[in-house]
Amino acid sequence: MKIKSMLNMGGLQKRWLLNTASVVLALGLVCVLTVTASFAAYYYSNMQSDMETRANASIAFFSANLDQTYGEFYQSCITYAQTYEGKDRIELQFVDRDGTLVASSYGQWAGKSSATPEIAEAIQTRVVQPFMGRDPDTNERILAVSGPVIFANGEVVGVLRFVTSTRLVDGQILLVAFTSSLVLLAVMSVVLVSSNYYLRSIMNPVAEITEKAKRIANGGYGVQIKTAYKDEIGDLAETINEMSNKIAQNEKMQAEFISQLSHELRTPLTVINGWSETLLADENMDADTRQGLKIISSEAKRLTEMVVELLDFSRMQDGRMTLAVEPTDIRGEFEDTVYMYGSRLAQEGIQLHYVDNDEDIPEIPCDAKRLRQVFLNILDNAAKYGGSGKRIDASMHYEDDSVVVRIRDYGPGIPEDEIPLVKKKFYKGSNSVRGTGIGLAVCDEIVEMHGGTLTLENAQGGGTLVTVRLPAAH
């Protein structure tokens, strides 16, 4: 369970724990191996030293009996091996110089002794020789010490070979290794638990700071981070809080400025629009003057639309945008908008094709004026950004208890990396078409206030497809 939780951790937390665990584990394994090797060397060294002492004592015993005949001396070696008192732990063998086992403290028989190399070495060097390894006959791990038995004339009669199994000692060493491993495991558990607790004390506030920072990045200005820490994390939180407050203040000042400016612009624009229409009514006006007035009227209307967008945006920013909801024939509103805007597009050589159908589309509770604004803005964007395709398709359907409006142009479409950004306020993308960059942001807000969704995507075959989905009941 702990391993699974570690795998689900964040990158920084996982790297910290894995790096810490790997260092501690490496050091722990070195300690376990060192302790085990030290105990092994100690036990085996003491065991070998004890058996070499026994062998030297036996050789010294026979060196004191050099007045015996050769036969008597040889028989003494056999008798010594057979009557050895420490046979409960160690086997004592008498092996002649040909390597034949003559006598053993475990019984009396004749035959070849285990062909371990220390027998021949002891006969050849005339000094005690040890051997540690596996018995060639039984494959058991043994420790053997062979001491040469030398007669009075200097002849090596054979060797007294002390043999014992290392099974008990090996068990003790394994016990030491197991105990050391348990200690390492306990240390690793303490390290992981303490590290995880320490990391959580850091990562939890960092996660909260990250979540609040994302909210601020998405427009939640003024959001504050609460932290009980008085360290670097607390300083970071305070810095982000201060930044959030300043951004909120700047946004408020910006919204107030836009609102005031928009209101100030509406009066002169109303005058310009009114007088331009009055002057255009004069039939005696020459062609150049009339063309100039048409340009003034067109640009004034465009500027008026921008001012309306700015006013809606300022209301959206400070929460003053409201809806006048009432049951509405949404199909009638949409068709009126399409037909009205279609004649305008026809003058620009763009065909607006309405896909009519016989579906029963019920009235829905909505703000007809606001939704008409949404439809007009989407059609206007389709003409501005996709007008090169010279065609716009519009349709309305009733799907899954929702009214779905689709408007598609046949222009160049939207770059894939810009699709997630086009509904953000003031974003205009790589297109050079003039505009404030807030029209879609306002439309998206209006649709969301109706409980619906507004999505943009590149259509198959080229162009942009805008889908507005409105619930039939809200």
Foldseek 3Di string as FASTA:
>chain_A
DVVVVLVVDDPVLNVVLVVVLVVLVVVLVVVLVVQLVVLLCVVVVVVLVVVLVVQVVVLVVLVVVQVDDPVVSVVVLQVCQCPPPPVVFKKKFWAFQVQWTQHIVVGGDIGHDQPDPQFNVCQVVQAKDWDFAAGPVPRFTKIKIWHFHAHPVRHGGGTIMIMGGCVVVVVVSVVSSVVSVVVSVVVSVVVSVVSSVVVCVVVVLVVQVVVVVVCVVVPVAQDARDDPDPDPSVVVRVVVNVVSPVVVVVVLVVLVVLQVVLVVLVVVLVVLLVVLVVVLVDPPDDPVVNVVSVVSNVVSVVVNVQSVLSNLVSCVSVVNDDAPWDFDPQVVLLVVLQVVVQVVLVVVQAHEAEDDDDDDDGTAIGRSVLVSLLSNLVVVCLCQQQVVQSYKYWYWDQDPQKIKIKIWGARAFAPPVCQVPQLPAQDDPPDPGDDRSHSSVSSQVRLVVQVWGWHWDADPPHTIMIMIIGHRYD
